[in-house]
Amino acid sequence: MQYEGKLYRALNPIYARQPLSGRGAELYGGRFNPKRMPALYTSLSVMTALREANQVGNLQPTLLVSYDASFERVFDGRDEDALQAEGMDAAAISDPTWRDQMKASGEARTQSFARRLAAAGYHGLLVRSFAPGATGEDLNLVLWEWTERAPARLILIDDEHRLGRPE
C-alpha cells in the first residue's frame, strides 16, 4: 500500500536535534526492528504518538514533532491475508514477549519479520499501536527507509527552524 499524509513522533528531548535519525531504535532494537537496524516509530495521530512515548509511569518531558510523508511501499499489518503470507498473524504481531525473545535468541519474531519486509523493499509497516490505552484506531507507521525524496519521502515540519539545524 501507499501512505501519504502527516506523521507524528513524541521524542525524548535528548534527541530533539535528531528527529530524523532513528538512532535510538538502532542501538536498542524495537518491536519491529532488531538492533543495528535504524527505524523511526511514527504515529498517524498526535495522541497515539504521546501514548507510544510515555508507556510506563508518569508523563515525562516530551518533544512532539510532525512530518510530511509520502511512501510508496508500506506493508499493511492490519491485513490478515498479507500477514499469513509472511508467516505472521495478529497474535504474533502483538506478542508482548518480544523483548524476552530478543534477549533469549538475539532477535524477536517481529524483528525477523521486519528484517524480511525491509529486505523485500518495503519502506515501513503500518500497524496498530499496542501502547496502554490504545484502540484499534490508533495506528503507527514504523519506517526502515526514509529520505527527502520519493519513493520514501519524510520531511520534518519545522518552518520556523525551532530545532535549529539537524545534525
Protein backbone atom coordinates (compact mmCIF):
# COMPACT_ATOMS: atom_id res chain seq x y z
CA MET A 1 0.00 0.00 0.00
CA GLN A 2 0.96 3.66 -0.25
CA TYR A 3 0.88 6.22 2.54
CA GLU A 4 0.68 9.97 2.09
CA GLY A 5 -0.07 12.42 4.88
CA LYS A 6 1.14 13.65 8.24
CA LEU A 7 3.07 11.56 10.75
CA TYR A 8 3.95 12.37 14.37
CA ARG A 9 6.61 11.42 16.91
CA ALA A 10 6.92 12.24 20.56
CA LEU A 11 10.64 12.32 21.28
CA ASN A 12 12.72 12.28 24.39
CA PRO A 13 14.14 15.86 24.42
CA ILE A 14 17.65 14.33 24.38
CA TYR A 15 17.01 13.54 20.69
CA ALA A 16 15.47 16.94 19.83
CA ARG A 17 18.27 17.83 17.42
CA GLN A 18 17.99 14.48 15.64
CA PRO A 19 14.29 13.97 14.84
CA LEU A 20 15.17 12.01 11.68
CA SER A 21 17.97 9.80 13.00
CA GLY A 22 16.38 6.50 14.07
CA ARG A 23 19.49 6.05 16.21
CA GLY A 24 17.76 5.07 19.46
CA ALA A 25 15.89 2.23 17.76
CA GLU A 26 19.11 1.18 16.02
CA LEU A 27 21.01 0.99 19.31
CA TYR A 28 18.40 -0.81 21.40
CA GLY A 29 16.05 -2.53 18.96
CA GLY A 30 12.28 -2.24 19.00
CA ARG A 31 9.28 -4.43 18.40
CA PHE A 32 9.74 -4.01 14.63
CA ASN A 33 13.48 -3.53 14.23
CA PRO A 34 16.41 -5.57 15.53
CA LYS A 35 19.47 -3.89 16.95
CA ARG A 36 21.70 -2.29 14.30
CA MET A 37 18.68 -1.63 12.04
CA PRO A 38 17.62 2.05 12.15
CA ALA A 39 13.90 2.71 12.45
CA LEU A 40 11.59 5.64 13.05
CA TYR A 41 8.50 4.82 15.05
CA THR A 42 5.89 7.32 13.89
CA SER A 43 2.16 7.60 14.53
CA LEU A 44 -0.77 8.74 12.45
CA SER A 45 -2.14 10.87 15.29
CA VAL A 46 -0.71 13.13 17.98
CA MET A 47 -2.39 11.22 20.81
CA THR A 48 -1.02 7.90 19.59
CA ALA A 49 2.48 9.39 19.45
CA LEU A 50 2.14 10.60 23.04
CA ARG A 51 0.89 7.19 24.21
CA GLU A 52 3.79 5.47 22.45
CA ALA A 53 6.44 7.71 24.01
CA ASN A 54 5.06 7.53 27.54
CA GLN A 55 4.12 3.89 28.06
CA VAL A 56 5.49 3.46 31.58
CA GLY A 57 4.84 5.57 34.67
CA ASN A 58 4.10 9.28 34.61
CA LEU A 59 4.17 11.61 31.63
CA GLN A 60 7.78 12.63 31.07
CA PRO A 61 9.13 15.66 29.17
CA THR A 62 8.38 15.01 25.52
CA LEU A 63 9.03 16.89 22.28
CA LEU A 64 6.29 16.46 19.69
CA VAL A 65 7.31 16.71 16.03
CA SER A 66 5.42 16.22 12.79
CA TYR A 67 6.38 15.24 9.28
CA ASP A 68 5.00 15.40 5.75
CA ALA A 69 5.24 11.86 4.45
CA SER A 70 4.83 10.00 1.17
CA PHE A 71 5.77 6.32 0.98
CA GLU A 72 5.15 4.06 -1.99
CA ARG A 73 5.76 0.66 -0.35
CA VAL A 74 4.16 0.17 3.06
CA PHE A 75 3.18 -3.25 4.36
CA ASP A 76 -0.31 -3.17 5.88
CA GLY A 77 -0.03 -5.06 9.16
CA ARG A 78 -3.82 -4.98 9.57
CA ASP A 79 -4.27 -7.26 6.54
CA GLU A 80 -4.58 -10.82 7.90
CA ASP A 81 -4.07 -12.42 4.47
CA ALA A 82 -0.87 -10.43 3.89
CA LEU A 83 0.36 -11.33 7.39
CA GLN A 84 -0.36 -15.03 6.83
CA ALA A 85 1.58 -14.92 3.54
CA GLU A 86 4.56 -13.73 5.62
CA GLY A 87 4.09 -16.40 8.30
CA MET A 88 2.64 -13.95 10.81
CA ASP A 89 -0.74 -13.18 12.34
CA ALA A 90 -2.29 -10.60 14.66
CA ALA A 91 -1.27 -12.57 17.77
CA ALA A 92 2.37 -12.73 16.68
CA ILE A 93 2.42 -9.00 15.84
CA SER A 94 1.01 -8.08 19.25
CA ASP A 95 3.02 -10.61 21.29
CA PRO A 96 4.15 -8.75 24.42
CA THR A 97 7.12 -11.13 24.92
CA TRP A 98 9.15 -9.67 22.05
CA ARG A 99 11.77 -8.26 24.47
CA ASP A 100 12.18 -11.67 26.12
CA GLN A 101 12.57 -13.29 22.70
CA MET A 102 15.20 -10.71 21.77
CA LYS A 103 17.16 -11.40 24.97
CA ALA A 104 16.91 -15.18 24.57
CA SER A 105 17.78 -15.54 20.89
CA GLY A 106 19.11 -12.15 19.79
CA GLU A 107 16.10 -11.36 17.61
CA ALA A 108 12.36 -11.46 18.28
CA ARG A 109 9.94 -12.94 15.78
CA THR A 110 8.56 -9.47 14.99
CA GLN A 111 12.09 -8.20 14.40
CA SER A 112 12.81 -11.03 11.93
CA PHE A 113 9.53 -10.19 10.20
CA ALA A 114 10.60 -6.54 9.90
CA ARG A 115 14.01 -7.53 8.54
CA ARG A 116 12.32 -9.66 5.83
CA LEU A 117 9.95 -6.85 4.87
CA ALA A 118 12.77 -4.30 4.62
CA ALA A 119 14.83 -6.72 2.51
CA ALA A 120 11.81 -7.13 0.21
CA GLY A 121 11.80 -3.37 -0.41
CA TYR A 122 9.11 -2.18 1.98
CA HIS A 123 9.78 1.27 3.41
CA GLY A 124 7.74 0.60 6.51
CA LEU A 125 4.97 -1.21 8.33
CA LEU A 126 1.53 0.18 9.18
CA VAL A 127 0.43 -1.44 12.42
CA ARG A 128 -1.91 -0.74 15.30
CA SER A 129 -0.48 0.70 18.49
CA PHE A 130 -0.03 -1.62 21.45
CA ALA A 131 0.59 1.20 23.94
CA PRO A 132 -1.61 1.21 27.06
CA GLY A 133 -4.94 2.89 26.31
CA ALA A 134 -4.63 2.48 22.54
CA THR A 135 -7.54 1.21 20.46
CA GLY A 136 -7.66 -0.40 17.03
CA GLU A 137 -7.94 3.09 15.57
CA ASP A 138 -4.51 4.12 16.94
CA LEU A 139 -2.02 3.42 14.16
CA ASN A 140 1.75 3.58 13.85
CA LEU A 141 3.92 3.64 10.77
CA VAL A 142 7.30 2.08 11.55
CA LEU A 143 9.82 3.24 8.95
CA TRP A 144 13.00 1.45 7.90
CA GLU A 145 13.82 3.67 4.95
CA TRP A 146 13.26 7.41 4.64
CA THR A 147 14.82 10.21 2.62
CA GLU A 148 13.90 13.69 1.44
CA ARG A 149 12.72 12.32 -1.92
CA ALA A 150 10.31 9.78 -3.38
CA PRO A 151 9.68 6.90 -3.09
CA ALA A 152 10.29 7.14 0.69
CA ARG A 153 9.87 10.85 1.43
CA LEU A 154 9.81 12.13 5.00
CA ILE A 155 10.14 15.86 5.64
CA LEU A 156 10.34 17.30 9.16
CA ILE A 157 7.91 20.18 9.60
CA ASP A 158 9.92 22.96 11.23
CA ASP A 159 9.05 26.04 9.18
CA GLU A 160 10.22 28.38 11.94
CA HIS A 161 13.52 26.48 12.49
CA ARG A 162 12.76 25.92 16.17
CA LEU A 163 15.02 22.88 16.28
CA GLY A 164 17.92 24.66 14.60
CA ARG A 165 19.97 22.73 12.10
CA PRO A 166 19.63 18.95 12.49
CA GLU A 167 22.95 17.14 12.97
